[in-house]
Amino acid sequence: MMSDDEFDWSEEEGRLREEPEEVPYDLGERTARFAEAIVDFAKKIPVSPVTTRLISQLVGCGTSIGANYCEANDHISVKDFLLKVGTCRKEARETQYFLRIIARASPELAQEARKLWREARSLNLIFFDHLAKGKGRTKMRHEAHSFPSNLSNFEFPPAHLQPPCLFAISRRVEDSQKRLIVAAQGYHELGLWREAWGELDALSGDAQRRPDVLEMRILILINENNWLDALGLSRQLAEVAPQEEGGWVHSAYCLHELGRTDEAVKALLSAPPSLREKAIFHYNLACYSCVLGQIDTAREALHRSFALDKKYREYARADHDLQPLHPELQ
């Protein structure tokens, strides 16, 4: 085991390693918690002519990672997205640098600085991995009703047809399994579908039927337009977690993309009554009903979705499935 003085501050290439014991499942939450940890750490640094500037620089770059990640999620183009992710990586690297210098300026904080340095390095590797692979991937246009992942290398439709991953990691999950799920979620959020799939393949047999694992696989298959396999897993998800909307909404969506829109409506209507309290249920029902020429039903369902969540009105104005209703939405 390395002593404090022997600690290696150099970069390590390859897959993510040395994760904190409690790694947040969501990358946005992870970067926010990291920013909070940086602020807490900065308060402990003794103020002196040497550290005053370092504290300011550390807080600036350490809290900017999450802020730029939020902006990346709200990107308006692939170019804008890649620019924001590049900034996330730049801020993570600068955070590593200032943590190293602060450890020299305040040796009593070196151990805590190194723990934060490792997390900054992990974030750096995540964003670097995405930039390296994302820039080289073929750009594809997702038609409306594709899964609205916030972080993939595609042009995006409004984020209305597929719910985000619905399930959090249970604290009872074995650490090794949890780390694989966290890694898969990180790759998934960055649009690295095959890498996410590989992490999921490494899970134990029991973990394969976890709702969060099933849903990540479904969303990967949807992004690859593998509708039949996604439909099979969606039905399995509905059996495993019948009270959650994921399995039902995904099943209906896959049927719609397979040209079986009448079955998509039946799939939605067969869901538990609790789903009808969700805006996504009424919005998707409106889309499918409109495609089937059931305009009155579509109009009623659409206005119910607006009443539950106002943002669906904006989505509807750009949704080609709702084109017959567009004049009413202007």
C-alpha atoms as a PDB file:
ATOM      1  CA  MET A   1       0.000   0.000   0.000  1.00  0.00           C
ATOM      2  CA  MET A   2       1.342   3.429  -0.961  1.00  0.00           C
ATOM      3  CA  SER A   3       2.284   5.925   1.691  1.00  0.00           C
ATOM      4  CA  ASP A   4       1.100   9.512   1.400  1.00  0.00           C
ATOM      5  CA  ASP A   5       4.412  10.600  -0.085  1.00  0.00           C
ATOM      6  CA  GLU A   6       4.403   7.815  -2.653  1.00  0.00           C
ATOM      7  CA  PHE A   7       0.964   8.562  -4.043  1.00  0.00           C
ATOM      8  CA  ASP A   8       0.977   8.641  -7.852  1.00  0.00           C
ATOM      9  CA  TRP A   9      -0.876  11.672  -9.201  1.00  0.00           C
ATOM     10  CA  SER A  10      -0.456  10.606 -12.829  1.00  0.00           C
ATOM     11  CA  GLU A  11      -3.346   9.730 -15.127  1.00  0.00           C
ATOM     12  CA  GLU A  12      -4.311   6.106 -15.637  1.00  0.00           C
ATOM     13  CA  GLU A  13      -5.746   4.994 -18.944  1.00  0.00           C
ATOM     14  CA  GLY A  14      -8.510   2.487 -19.381  1.00  0.00           C
ATOM     15  CA  ARG A  15     -11.755   1.724 -17.638  1.00  0.00           C
ATOM     16  CA  LEU A  16     -12.973   3.541 -14.581  1.00  0.00           C
ATOM     17  CA  ARG A  17     -11.349   2.410 -11.338  1.00  0.00           C
ATOM     18  CA  GLU A  18     -11.102   3.434  -7.710  1.00  0.00           C
ATOM     19  CA  GLU A  19     -14.681   4.670  -7.507  1.00  0.00           C
ATOM     20  CA  PRO A  20     -15.918   6.111  -4.209  1.00  0.00           C
ATOM     21  CA  GLU A  21     -17.837   3.660  -2.069  1.00  0.00           C
ATOM     22  CA  GLU A  22     -21.151   5.405  -2.708  1.00  0.00           C
ATOM     23  CA  VAL A  23     -21.267   6.414  -6.359  1.00  0.00           C
ATOM     24  CA  PRO A  24     -24.538   8.121  -7.373  1.00  0.00           C
ATOM     25  CA  TYR A  25     -26.533   6.232  -9.988  1.00  0.00           C
ATOM     26  CA  ASP A  26     -27.249   9.360 -12.024  1.00  0.00           C
ATOM     27  CA  LEU A  27     -24.335  11.242 -13.560  1.00  0.00           C
ATOM     28  CA  GLY A  28     -26.013  14.593 -12.949  1.00  0.00           C
ATOM     29  CA  GLU A  29     -26.386  13.741  -9.283  1.00  0.00           C
ATOM     30  CA  ARG A  30     -22.808  12.487  -9.217  1.00  0.00           C
ATOM     31  CA  THR A  31     -21.397  15.759 -10.532  1.00  0.00           C
ATOM     32  CA  ALA A  32     -23.611  17.749  -8.144  1.00  0.00           C
ATOM     33  CA  ARG A  33     -22.403  15.740  -5.155  1.00  0.00           C
ATOM     34  CA  PHE A  34     -18.841  16.202  -6.310  1.00  0.00           C
ATOM     35  CA  ALA A  35     -19.372  19.972  -6.412  1.00  0.00           C
ATOM     36  CA  GLU A  36     -20.764  19.872  -2.879  1.00  0.00           C
ATOM     37  CA  ALA A  37     -17.751  17.858  -1.716  1.00  0.00           C
ATOM     38  CA  ILE A  38     -15.410  20.422  -3.297  1.00  0.00           C
ATOM     39  CA  VAL A  39     -17.166  23.265  -1.469  1.00  0.00           C
ATOM     40  CA  ASP A  40     -16.984  21.403   1.837  1.00  0.00           C
ATOM     41  CA  PHE A  41     -13.313  20.643   1.254  1.00  0.00           C
ATOM     42  CA  ALA A  42     -12.513  24.260   0.313  1.00  0.00           C
ATOM     43  CA  LYS A  43     -13.900  25.453   3.659  1.00  0.00           C
ATOM     44  CA  LYS A  44     -11.268  23.355   5.435  1.00  0.00           C
ATOM     45  CA  ILE A  45      -8.296  24.835   3.592  1.00  0.00           C
ATOM     46  CA  PRO A  46      -6.364  27.314   5.765  1.00  0.00           C
ATOM     47  CA  VAL A  47      -6.427  30.769   4.197  1.00  0.00           C
ATOM     48  CA  SER A  48      -2.975  32.162   3.442  1.00  0.00           C
ATOM     49  CA  PRO A  49      -1.298  34.183   0.685  1.00  0.00           C
ATOM     50  CA  VAL A  50      -0.537  30.855  -1.025  1.00  0.00           C
ATOM     51  CA  THR A  51      -3.947  29.212  -0.755  1.00  0.00           C
ATOM     52  CA  THR A  52      -6.300  32.148  -1.323  1.00  0.00           C
ATOM     53  CA  ARG A  53      -6.005  31.984  -5.087  1.00  0.00           C
ATOM     54  CA  LEU A  54      -5.952  28.180  -5.105  1.00  0.00           C
ATOM     55  CA  ILE A  55      -9.228  27.984  -3.165  1.00  0.00           C
ATOM     56  CA  SER A  56     -10.957  30.270  -5.652  1.00  0.00           C
ATOM     57  CA  GLN A  57      -9.649  28.302  -8.630  1.00  0.00           C
ATOM     58  CA  LEU A  58     -10.603  24.937  -7.120  1.00  0.00           C
ATOM     59  CA  VAL A  59     -14.153  25.976  -6.280  1.00  0.00           C
ATOM     60  CA  GLY A  60     -14.559  27.506  -9.725  1.00  0.00           C
ATOM     61  CA  CYS A  61     -13.564  24.464 -11.757  1.00  0.00           C
ATOM     62  CA  GLY A  62     -14.854  21.841  -9.302  1.00  0.00           C
ATOM     63  CA  THR A  63     -18.386  23.227  -9.322  1.00  0.00           C
ATOM     64  CA  SER A  64     -18.378  23.987 -13.055  1.00  0.00           C
ATOM     65  CA  ILE A  65     -18.310  20.305 -14.051  1.00  0.00           C
ATOM     66  CA  GLY A  66     -21.906  19.769 -12.971  1.00  0.00           C
ATOM     67  CA  ALA A  67     -23.060  23.128 -14.313  1.00  0.00           C
ATOM     68  CA  ASN A  68     -21.699  22.356 -17.772  1.00  0.00           C
ATOM     69  CA  TYR A  69     -23.189  18.878 -17.598  1.00  0.00           C
ATOM     70  CA  CYS A  70     -26.605  20.494 -17.053  1.00  0.00           C
ATOM     71  CA  GLU A  71     -26.002  22.687 -20.102  1.00  0.00           C
ATOM     72  CA  ALA A  72     -24.999  19.634 -22.138  1.00  0.00           C
ATOM     73  CA  ASN A  73     -28.361  18.064 -21.298  1.00  0.00           C
ATOM     74  CA  ASP A  74     -30.092  21.154 -22.686  1.00  0.00           C
ATOM     75  CA  HIS A  75     -28.049  21.273 -25.892  1.00  0.00           C
ATOM     76  CA  ILE A  76     -29.604  22.501 -29.123  1.00  0.00           C
ATOM     77  CA  SER A  77     -27.266  20.685 -31.515  1.00  0.00           C
ATOM     78  CA  VAL A  78     -24.673  17.926 -31.572  1.00  0.00           C
ATOM     79  CA  LYS A  79     -21.935  20.555 -31.907  1.00  0.00           C
ATOM     80  CA  ASP A  80     -23.238  22.369 -28.837  1.00  0.00           C
ATOM     81  CA  PHE A  81     -23.433  19.107 -26.908  1.00  0.00           C
ATOM     82  CA  LEU A  82     -19.858  18.098 -27.711  1.00  0.00           C
ATOM     83  CA  LEU A  83     -18.638  21.573 -26.792  1.00  0.00           C
ATOM     84  CA  LYS A  84     -20.276  21.369 -23.355  1.00  0.00           C
ATOM     85  CA  VAL A  85     -18.972  17.842 -22.720  1.00  0.00           C
ATOM     86  CA  GLY A  86     -15.506  19.034 -23.705  1.00  0.00           C
ATOM     87  CA  THR A  87     -15.822  21.812 -21.144  1.00  0.00           C
ATOM     88  CA  CYS A  88     -16.840  19.248 -18.506  1.00  0.00           C
ATOM     89  CA  ARG A  89     -13.658  17.321 -19.196  1.00  0.00           C
ATOM     90  CA  LYS A  90     -11.538  20.480 -19.128  1.00  0.00           C
ATOM     91  CA  GLU A  91     -12.963  21.517 -15.746  1.00  0.00           C
ATOM     92  CA  ALA A  92     -12.415  18.001 -14.359  1.00  0.00           C
ATOM     93  CA  ARG A  93      -8.750  18.092 -15.416  1.00  0.00           C
ATOM     94  CA  GLU A  94      -8.261  21.534 -13.876  1.00  0.00           C
ATOM     95  CA  THR A  95      -9.859  20.277 -10.664  1.00  0.00           C
ATOM     96  CA  GLN A  96      -7.335  17.431 -10.556  1.00  0.00           C
ATOM     97  CA  TYR A  97      -4.504  19.924 -10.992  1.00  0.00           C
ATOM     98  CA  PHE A  98      -5.613  22.287  -8.214  1.00  0.00           C
ATOM     99  CA  LEU A  99      -6.289  19.411  -5.811  1.00  0.00           C
ATOM    100  CA  ARG A 100      -2.732  18.242  -6.324  1.00  0.00           C
ATOM    101  CA  ILE A 101      -1.320  21.714  -5.664  1.00  0.00           C
ATOM    102  CA  ILE A 102      -3.487  22.202  -2.574  1.00  0.00           C
ATOM    103  CA  ALA A 103      -2.264  18.868  -1.213  1.00  0.00           C
ATOM    104  CA  ARG A 104       1.260  20.297  -1.419  1.00  0.00           C
ATOM    105  CA  ALA A 105       0.244  23.637   0.123  1.00  0.00           C
ATOM    106  CA  SER A 106      -1.708  22.001   2.977  1.00  0.00           C
ATOM    107  CA  PRO A 107      -0.226  18.536   3.600  1.00  0.00           C
ATOM    108  CA  GLU A 108      -2.667  17.851   6.419  1.00  0.00           C
ATOM    109  CA  LEU A 109      -5.460  17.764   3.782  1.00  0.00           C
ATOM    110  CA  ALA A 110      -3.547  15.601   1.321  1.00  0.00           C
ATOM    111  CA  GLN A 111      -5.494  12.392   1.946  1.00  0.00           C
ATOM    112  CA  GLU A 112      -8.870  14.052   1.449  1.00  0.00           C
ATOM    113  CA  ALA A 113      -7.546  15.883  -1.614  1.00  0.00           C
ATOM    114  CA  ARG A 114      -6.450  12.570  -3.135  1.00  0.00           C
ATOM    115  CA  LYS A 115      -9.892  11.044  -2.645  1.00  0.00           C
ATOM    116  CA  LEU A 116     -11.460  13.975  -4.513  1.00  0.00           C
ATOM    117  CA  TRP A 117      -8.708  13.780  -7.132  1.00  0.00           C
ATOM    118  CA  ARG A 118      -9.669  10.187  -7.901  1.00  0.00           C
ATOM    119  CA  GLU A 119     -13.295  11.159  -8.425  1.00  0.00           C
ATOM    120  CA  ALA A 120     -12.284  14.092 -10.650  1.00  0.00           C
ATOM    121  CA  ARG A 121     -10.165  11.669 -12.659  1.00  0.00           C
ATOM    122  CA  SER A 122     -13.093   9.270 -13.045  1.00  0.00           C
ATOM    123  CA  LEU A 123     -15.293  12.107 -14.322  1.00  0.00           C
ATOM    124  CA  ASN A 124     -12.515  13.162 -16.674  1.00  0.00           C
ATOM    125  CA  LEU A 125     -12.329   9.630 -18.094  1.00  0.00           C
ATOM    126  CA  ILE A 126     -16.099   9.434 -18.562  1.00  0.00           C
ATOM    127  CA  PHE A 127     -16.207  12.652 -20.571  1.00  0.00           C
ATOM    128  CA  PHE A 128     -13.028  11.827 -22.478  1.00  0.00           C
ATOM    129  CA  ASP A 129     -14.397   8.408 -23.421  1.00  0.00           C
ATOM    130  CA  HIS A 130     -17.545   9.974 -24.786  1.00  0.00           C
ATOM    131  CA  LEU A 131     -15.730  12.655 -26.763  1.00  0.00           C
ATOM    132  CA  ALA A 132     -13.311  10.160 -28.306  1.00  0.00           C
ATOM    133  CA  LYS A 133     -16.060   7.800 -29.400  1.00  0.00           C
ATOM    134  CA  GLY A 134     -18.840  10.295 -29.928  1.00  0.00           C
ATOM    135  CA  LYS A 135     -16.929  12.396 -32.455  1.00  0.00           C
ATOM    136  CA  GLY A 136     -16.093   9.346 -34.518  1.00  0.00           C
ATOM    137  CA  ARG A 137     -19.533   7.830 -34.627  1.00  0.00           C
ATOM    138  CA  THR A 138     -21.794   8.175 -37.656  1.00  0.00           C
ATOM    139  CA  LYS A 139     -24.351  10.883 -37.095  1.00  0.00           C
ATOM    140  CA  MET A 140     -27.881   9.618 -37.397  1.00  0.00           C
ATOM    141  CA  ARG A 141     -31.178  11.417 -37.262  1.00  0.00           C
ATOM    142  CA  HIS A 142     -33.685  10.011 -34.818  1.00  0.00           C
ATOM    143  CA  GLU A 143     -37.196  10.249 -36.095  1.00  0.00           C
ATOM    144  CA  ALA A 144     -39.819  11.495 -33.670  1.00  0.00           C
ATOM    145  CA  HIS A 145     -40.712   8.930 -31.045  1.00  0.00           C
ATOM    146  CA  SER A 146     -37.133   7.807 -30.570  1.00  0.00           C
ATOM    147  CA  PHE A 147     -35.890   7.480 -27.023  1.00  0.00           C
ATOM    148  CA  PRO A 148     -34.964  10.999 -25.849  1.00  0.00           C
ATOM    149  CA  SER A 149     -31.650  10.259 -24.168  1.00  0.00           C
ATOM    150  CA  ASN A 150     -30.122  13.542 -23.018  1.00  0.00           C
ATOM    151  CA  LEU A 151     -26.654  12.378 -23.857  1.00  0.00           C
ATOM    152  CA  SER A 152     -26.205  10.666 -27.209  1.00  0.00           C
ATOM    153  CA  ASN A 153     -24.690  11.670 -30.503  1.00  0.00           C
ATOM    154  CA  PHE A 154     -27.965  12.180 -32.350  1.00  0.00           C
ATOM    155  CA  GLU A 155     -30.405  14.939 -33.221  1.00  0.00           C
ATOM    156  CA  PHE A 156     -33.134  14.763 -30.586  1.00  0.00           C
ATOM    157  CA  PRO A 157     -36.908  14.891 -30.699  1.00  0.00           C
ATOM    158  CA  PRO A 158     -38.723  16.298 -27.668  1.00  0.00           C
ATOM    159  CA  ALA A 159     -38.166  14.171 -24.571  1.00  0.00           C
ATOM    160  CA  HIS A 160     -41.708  12.967 -24.149  1.00  0.00           C
ATOM    161  CA  LEU A 161     -42.295   9.434 -25.325  1.00  0.00           C
ATOM    162  CA  GLN A 162     -40.058   7.351 -23.147  1.00  0.00           C
ATOM    163  CA  PRO A 163     -39.672   7.781 -19.397  1.00  0.00           C
ATOM    164  CA  PRO A 164     -36.134   8.019 -18.028  1.00  0.00           C
ATOM    165  CA  CYS A 165     -34.706   5.074 -16.147  1.00  0.00           C
ATOM    166  CA  LEU A 166     -37.196   4.674 -13.331  1.00  0.00           C
ATOM    167  CA  PHE A 167     -35.402   2.590 -10.787  1.00  0.00           C
ATOM    168  CA  ALA A 168     -32.693   3.475  -8.289  1.00  0.00           C
ATOM    169  CA  ILE A 169     -30.020   1.130  -7.045  1.00  0.00           C
ATOM    170  CA  SER A 170     -30.932  -0.622  -3.823  1.00  0.00           C
ATOM    171  CA  ARG A 171     -28.397  -0.300  -1.034  1.00  0.00           C
ATOM    172  CA  ARG A 172     -28.712  -4.046  -0.571  1.00  0.00           C
ATOM    173  CA  VAL A 173     -27.150  -4.758  -3.950  1.00  0.00           C
ATOM    174  CA  GLU A 174     -23.728  -6.338  -3.652  1.00  0.00           C
ATOM    175  CA  ASP A 175     -20.986  -3.735  -4.143  1.00  0.00           C
ATOM    176  CA  SER A 176     -19.508  -5.430  -7.212  1.00  0.00           C
ATOM    177  CA  GLN A 177     -22.931  -5.608  -8.864  1.00  0.00           C
ATOM    178  CA  LYS A 178     -23.722  -2.009  -7.934  1.00  0.00           C
ATOM    179  CA  ARG A 179     -20.495  -0.786  -9.496  1.00  0.00           C
ATOM    180  CA  LEU A 180     -21.343  -2.542 -12.756  1.00  0.00           C
ATOM    181  CA  ILE A 181     -24.807  -0.972 -12.789  1.00  0.00           C
ATOM    182  CA  VAL A 182     -23.359   2.473 -12.035  1.00  0.00           C
ATOM    183  CA  ALA A 183     -20.831   2.074 -14.858  1.00  0.00           C
ATOM    184  CA  ALA A 184     -23.566   0.931 -17.248  1.00  0.00           C
ATOM    185  CA  GLN A 185     -25.703   3.931 -16.313  1.00  0.00           C
ATOM    186  CA  GLY A 186     -22.791   6.280 -16.900  1.00  0.00           C
ATOM    187  CA  TYR A 187     -22.107   4.825 -20.351  1.00  0.00           C
ATOM    188  CA  HIS A 188     -25.823   4.849 -21.096  1.00  0.00           C
ATOM    189  CA  GLU A 189     -26.182   8.538 -20.269  1.00  0.00           C
ATOM    190  CA  LEU A 190     -23.270   9.280 -22.589  1.00  0.00           C
ATOM    191  CA  GLY A 191     -24.869   7.379 -25.455  1.00  0.00           C
ATOM    192  CA  LEU A 192     -22.233   4.627 -25.429  1.00  0.00           C
ATOM    193  CA  TRP A 193     -24.710   1.806 -25.895  1.00  0.00           C
ATOM    194  CA  ARG A 194     -22.363  -1.121 -26.504  1.00  0.00           C
ATOM    195  CA  GLU A 195     -20.185  -0.213 -23.537  1.00  0.00           C
ATOM    196  CA  ALA A 196     -23.276  -0.020 -21.323  1.00  0.00           C
ATOM    197  CA  TRP A 197     -24.475  -3.385 -22.642  1.00  0.00           C
ATOM    198  CA  GLY A 198     -21.108  -4.944 -21.861  1.00  0.00           C
ATOM    199  CA  GLU A 199     -21.295  -3.803 -18.241  1.00  0.00           C
ATOM    200  CA  LEU A 200     -24.782  -5.284 -17.935  1.00  0.00           C
ATOM    201  CA  ASP A 201     -23.617  -8.598 -19.408  1.00  0.00           C
ATOM    202  CA  ALA A 202     -21.124  -8.898 -16.546  1.00  0.00           C
ATOM    203  CA  LEU A 203     -23.895  -8.891 -13.926  1.00  0.00           C
ATOM    204  CA  SER A 204     -24.923 -12.069 -12.118  1.00  0.00           C
ATOM    205  CA  GLY A 205     -27.946 -14.069 -13.231  1.00  0.00           C
ATOM    206  CA  ASP A 206     -30.205 -12.741 -10.461  1.00  0.00           C
ATOM    207  CA  ALA A 207     -29.273  -9.158 -11.244  1.00  0.00           C
ATOM    208  CA  GLN A 208     -30.286  -9.573 -14.887  1.00  0.00           C
ATOM    209  CA  ARG A 209     -33.978  -9.420 -13.911  1.00  0.00           C
ATOM    210  CA  ARG A 210     -33.640  -6.236 -11.894  1.00  0.00           C
ATOM    211  CA  PRO A 211     -36.044  -3.553 -13.210  1.00  0.00           C
ATOM    212  CA  ASP A 212     -33.257  -0.978 -13.675  1.00  0.00           C
ATOM    213  CA  VAL A 213     -31.138  -3.484 -15.630  1.00  0.00           C
ATOM    214  CA  LEU A 214     -34.058  -4.523 -17.836  1.00  0.00           C
ATOM    215  CA  GLU A 215     -34.932  -0.914 -18.552  1.00  0.00           C
ATOM    216  CA  MET A 216     -31.394   0.047 -19.509  1.00  0.00           C
ATOM    217  CA  ARG A 217     -31.295  -2.877 -21.940  1.00  0.00           C
ATOM    218  CA  ILE A 218     -34.647  -1.807 -23.389  1.00  0.00           C
ATOM    219  CA  LEU A 219     -33.471   1.756 -23.959  1.00  0.00           C
ATOM    220  CA  ILE A 220     -30.272   0.557 -25.624  1.00  0.00           C
ATOM    221  CA  LEU A 221     -32.280  -1.669 -27.978  1.00  0.00           C
ATOM    222  CA  ILE A 222     -34.662   1.213 -28.734  1.00  0.00           C
ATOM    223  CA  ASN A 223     -31.746   3.437 -29.678  1.00  0.00           C
ATOM    224  CA  GLU A 224     -30.568   0.700 -32.040  1.00  0.00           C
ATOM    225  CA  ASN A 225     -34.072   0.366 -33.528  1.00  0.00           C
ATOM    226  CA  ASN A 226     -34.228  -3.264 -32.407  1.00  0.00           C
ATOM    227  CA  TRP A 227     -37.956  -3.090 -31.753  1.00  0.00           C
ATOM    228  CA  LEU A 228     -38.746  -6.803 -31.425  1.00  0.00           C
ATOM    229  CA  ASP A 229     -36.123  -7.513 -28.781  1.00  0.00           C
ATOM    230  CA  ALA A 230     -37.006  -4.277 -26.993  1.00  0.00           C
ATOM    231  CA  LEU A 231     -40.664  -5.324 -27.007  1.00  0.00           C
ATOM    232  CA  GLY A 232     -39.833  -8.691 -25.446  1.00  0.00           C
ATOM    233  CA  LEU A 233     -37.850  -7.095 -22.631  1.00  0.00           C
ATOM    234  CA  SER A 234     -40.498  -4.403 -22.144  1.00  0.00           C
ATOM    235  CA  ARG A 235     -43.134  -7.054 -21.548  1.00  0.00           C
ATOM    236  CA  GLN A 236     -40.786  -8.758 -19.122  1.00  0.00           C
ATOM    237  CA  LEU A 237     -40.289  -5.445 -17.306  1.00  0.00           C
ATOM    238  CA  ALA A 238     -44.064  -5.013 -17.033  1.00  0.00           C
ATOM    239  CA  GLU A 239     -44.232  -8.414 -15.335  1.00  0.00           C
ATOM    240  CA  VAL A 240     -41.368  -7.681 -12.951  1.00  0.00           C
ATOM    241  CA  ALA A 241     -42.560  -4.172 -12.027  1.00  0.00           C
ATOM    242  CA  PRO A 242     -46.250  -3.985 -12.998  1.00  0.00           C
ATOM    243  CA  GLN A 243     -46.972  -0.842 -10.964  1.00  0.00           C
ATOM    244  CA  GLU A 244     -44.309   1.224 -12.742  1.00  0.00           C
ATOM    245  CA  GLU A 245     -44.941   2.873 -16.097  1.00  0.00           C
ATOM    246  CA  GLY A 246     -41.715   1.791 -17.802  1.00  0.00           C
ATOM    247  CA  GLY A 247     -42.705  -1.651 -19.080  1.00  0.00           C
ATOM    248  CA  TRP A 248     -46.106  -0.529 -20.314  1.00  0.00           C
ATOM    249  CA  VAL A 249     -44.944   2.669 -22.001  1.00  0.00           C
ATOM    250  CA  HIS A 250     -41.968   0.963 -23.645  1.00  0.00           C
ATOM    251  CA  SER A 251     -44.135  -1.936 -24.870  1.00  0.00           C
ATOM    252  CA  ALA A 252     -46.613   0.436 -26.473  1.00  0.00           C
ATOM    253  CA  TYR A 253     -43.858   2.487 -28.059  1.00  0.00           C
ATOM    254  CA  CYS A 254     -42.190  -0.583 -29.589  1.00  0.00           C
ATOM    255  CA  LEU A 255     -45.519  -1.806 -30.985  1.00  0.00           C
ATOM    256  CA  HIS A 256     -46.105   1.633 -32.511  1.00  0.00           C
ATOM    257  CA  GLU A 257     -42.679   1.594 -34.174  1.00  0.00           C
ATOM    258  CA  LEU A 258     -43.412  -1.898 -35.512  1.00  0.00           C
ATOM    259  CA  GLY A 259     -46.497  -0.512 -37.255  1.00  0.00           C
ATOM    260  CA  ARG A 260     -48.843  -2.134 -34.744  1.00  0.00           C
ATOM    261  CA  THR A 261     -50.299   1.085 -33.386  1.00  0.00           C
ATOM    262  CA  ASP A 262     -53.687  -0.430 -32.582  1.00  0.00           C
ATOM    263  CA  GLU A 263     -51.898  -2.918 -30.319  1.00  0.00           C
ATOM    264  CA  ALA A 264     -49.920  -0.042 -28.808  1.00  0.00           C
ATOM    265  CA  VAL A 265     -53.174   1.567 -27.669  1.00  0.00           C
ATOM    266  CA  LYS A 266     -54.341  -1.729 -26.159  1.00  0.00           C
ATOM    267  CA  ALA A 267     -51.005  -2.107 -24.349  1.00  0.00           C
ATOM    268  CA  LEU A 268     -51.377   1.324 -22.752  1.00  0.00           C
ATOM    269  CA  LEU A 269     -54.992   0.718 -21.767  1.00  0.00           C
ATOM    270  CA  SER A 270     -54.068  -2.612 -20.149  1.00  0.00           C
ATOM    271  CA  ALA A 271     -51.667  -0.895 -17.729  1.00  0.00           C
ATOM    272  CA  PRO A 272     -52.582  -0.458 -14.050  1.00  0.00           C
ATOM    273  CA  PRO A 273     -54.966   2.450 -13.297  1.00  0.00           C
ATOM    274  CA  SER A 274     -52.151   4.329 -11.549  1.00  0.00           C
ATOM    275  CA  LEU A 275     -50.479   4.940 -14.905  1.00  0.00           C
ATOM    276  CA  ARG A 276     -53.410   7.113 -15.948  1.00  0.00           C
ATOM    277  CA  GLU A 277     -52.236   9.687 -13.453  1.00  0.00           C
ATOM    278  CA  LYS A 278     -49.112  10.233 -15.564  1.00  0.00           C
ATOM    279  CA  ALA A 279     -48.920  12.815 -18.340  1.00  0.00           C
ATOM    280  CA  ILE A 280     -46.832  10.449 -20.467  1.00  0.00           C
ATOM    281  CA  PHE A 281     -49.722   7.957 -20.592  1.00  0.00           C
ATOM    282  CA  HIS A 282     -52.182  10.491 -22.014  1.00  0.00           C
ATOM    283  CA  TYR A 283     -49.632  12.030 -24.355  1.00  0.00           C
ATOM    284  CA  ASN A 284     -48.682   8.702 -25.924  1.00  0.00           C
ATOM    285  CA  LEU A 285     -52.329   7.706 -26.138  1.00  0.00           C
ATOM    286  CA  ALA A 286     -52.989  10.966 -27.990  1.00  0.00           C
ATOM    287  CA  CYS A 287     -50.161  10.264 -30.446  1.00  0.00           C
ATOM    288  CA  TYR A 288     -51.292   6.731 -31.194  1.00  0.00           C
ATOM    289  CA  SER A 289     -54.971   7.706 -31.450  1.00  0.00           C
ATOM    290  CA  CYS A 290     -54.112  10.499 -33.857  1.00  0.00           C
ATOM    291  CA  VAL A 291     -52.166   8.097 -36.092  1.00  0.00           C
ATOM    292  CA  LEU A 292     -55.223   5.806 -36.111  1.00  0.00           C
ATOM    293  CA  GLY A 293     -57.447   8.704 -37.173  1.00  0.00           C
ATOM    294  CA  GLN A 294     -59.263   8.908 -33.830  1.00  0.00           C
ATOM    295  CA  ILE A 295     -58.934  12.683 -33.625  1.00  0.00           C
ATOM    296  CA  ASP A 296     -61.491  13.365 -30.892  1.00  0.00           C
ATOM    297  CA  THR A 297     -59.920  10.750 -28.618  1.00  0.00           C
ATOM    298  CA  ALA A 298     -56.477  12.131 -29.391  1.00  0.00           C
ATOM    299  CA  ARG A 299     -57.557  15.700 -28.618  1.00  0.00           C
ATOM    300  CA  GLU A 300     -59.047  14.717 -25.261  1.00  0.00           C
ATOM    301  CA  ALA A 301     -55.982  12.680 -24.240  1.00  0.00           C
ATOM    302  CA  LEU A 302     -53.646  15.445 -25.339  1.00  0.00           C
ATOM    303  CA  HIS A 303     -55.363  18.077 -23.213  1.00  0.00           C
ATOM    304  CA  ARG A 304     -55.256  15.720 -20.233  1.00  0.00           C
ATOM    305  CA  SER A 305     -51.490  15.463 -20.657  1.00  0.00           C
ATOM    306  CA  PHE A 306     -51.243  19.265 -20.761  1.00  0.00           C
ATOM    307  CA  ALA A 307     -53.214  19.524 -17.531  1.00  0.00           C
ATOM    308  CA  LEU A 308     -50.814  17.116 -15.814  1.00  0.00           C
ATOM    309  CA  ASP A 309     -47.617  18.610 -17.238  1.00  0.00           C
ATOM    310  CA  LYS A 310     -47.504  21.875 -19.199  1.00  0.00           C
ATOM    311  CA  LYS A 311     -44.279  21.021 -21.018  1.00  0.00           C
ATOM    312  CA  TYR A 312     -46.139  18.506 -23.189  1.00  0.00           C
ATOM    313  CA  ARG A 313     -47.814  21.347 -25.063  1.00  0.00           C
ATOM    314  CA  GLU A 314     -44.431  22.404 -26.433  1.00  0.00           C
ATOM    315  CA  TYR A 315     -43.589  18.822 -27.345  1.00  0.00           C
ATOM    316  CA  ALA A 316     -46.879  18.415 -29.161  1.00  0.00           C
ATOM    317  CA  ARG A 317     -46.207  21.351 -31.475  1.00  0.00           C
ATOM    318  CA  ALA A 318     -43.220  19.524 -32.983  1.00  0.00           C
ATOM    319  CA  ASP A 319     -44.603  15.973 -32.956  1.00  0.00           C
ATOM    320  CA  HIS A 320     -45.382  14.732 -36.456  1.00  0.00           C
ATOM    321  CA  ASP A 321     -47.805  12.093 -35.127  1.00  0.00           C
ATOM    322  CA  LEU A 322     -49.993  14.949 -33.898  1.00  0.00           C
ATOM    323  CA  GLN A 323     -49.867  16.907 -37.143  1.00  0.00           C
ATOM    324  CA  PRO A 324     -53.693  16.914 -37.621  1.00  0.00           C
ATOM    325  CA  LEU A 325     -53.955  18.777 -34.310  1.00  0.00           C
ATOM    326  CA  HIS A 326     -51.132  21.255 -34.902  1.00  0.00           C
ATOM    327  CA  PRO A 327     -53.417  24.131 -36.037  1.00  0.00           C
ATOM    328  CA  GLU A 328     -55.149  23.949 -32.653  1.00  0.00           C
ATOM    329  CA  LEU A 329     -51.841  24.188 -30.796  1.00  0.00           C
ATOM    330  CA  GLN A 330     -50.481  27.405 -32.327  1.00  0.00           C
END
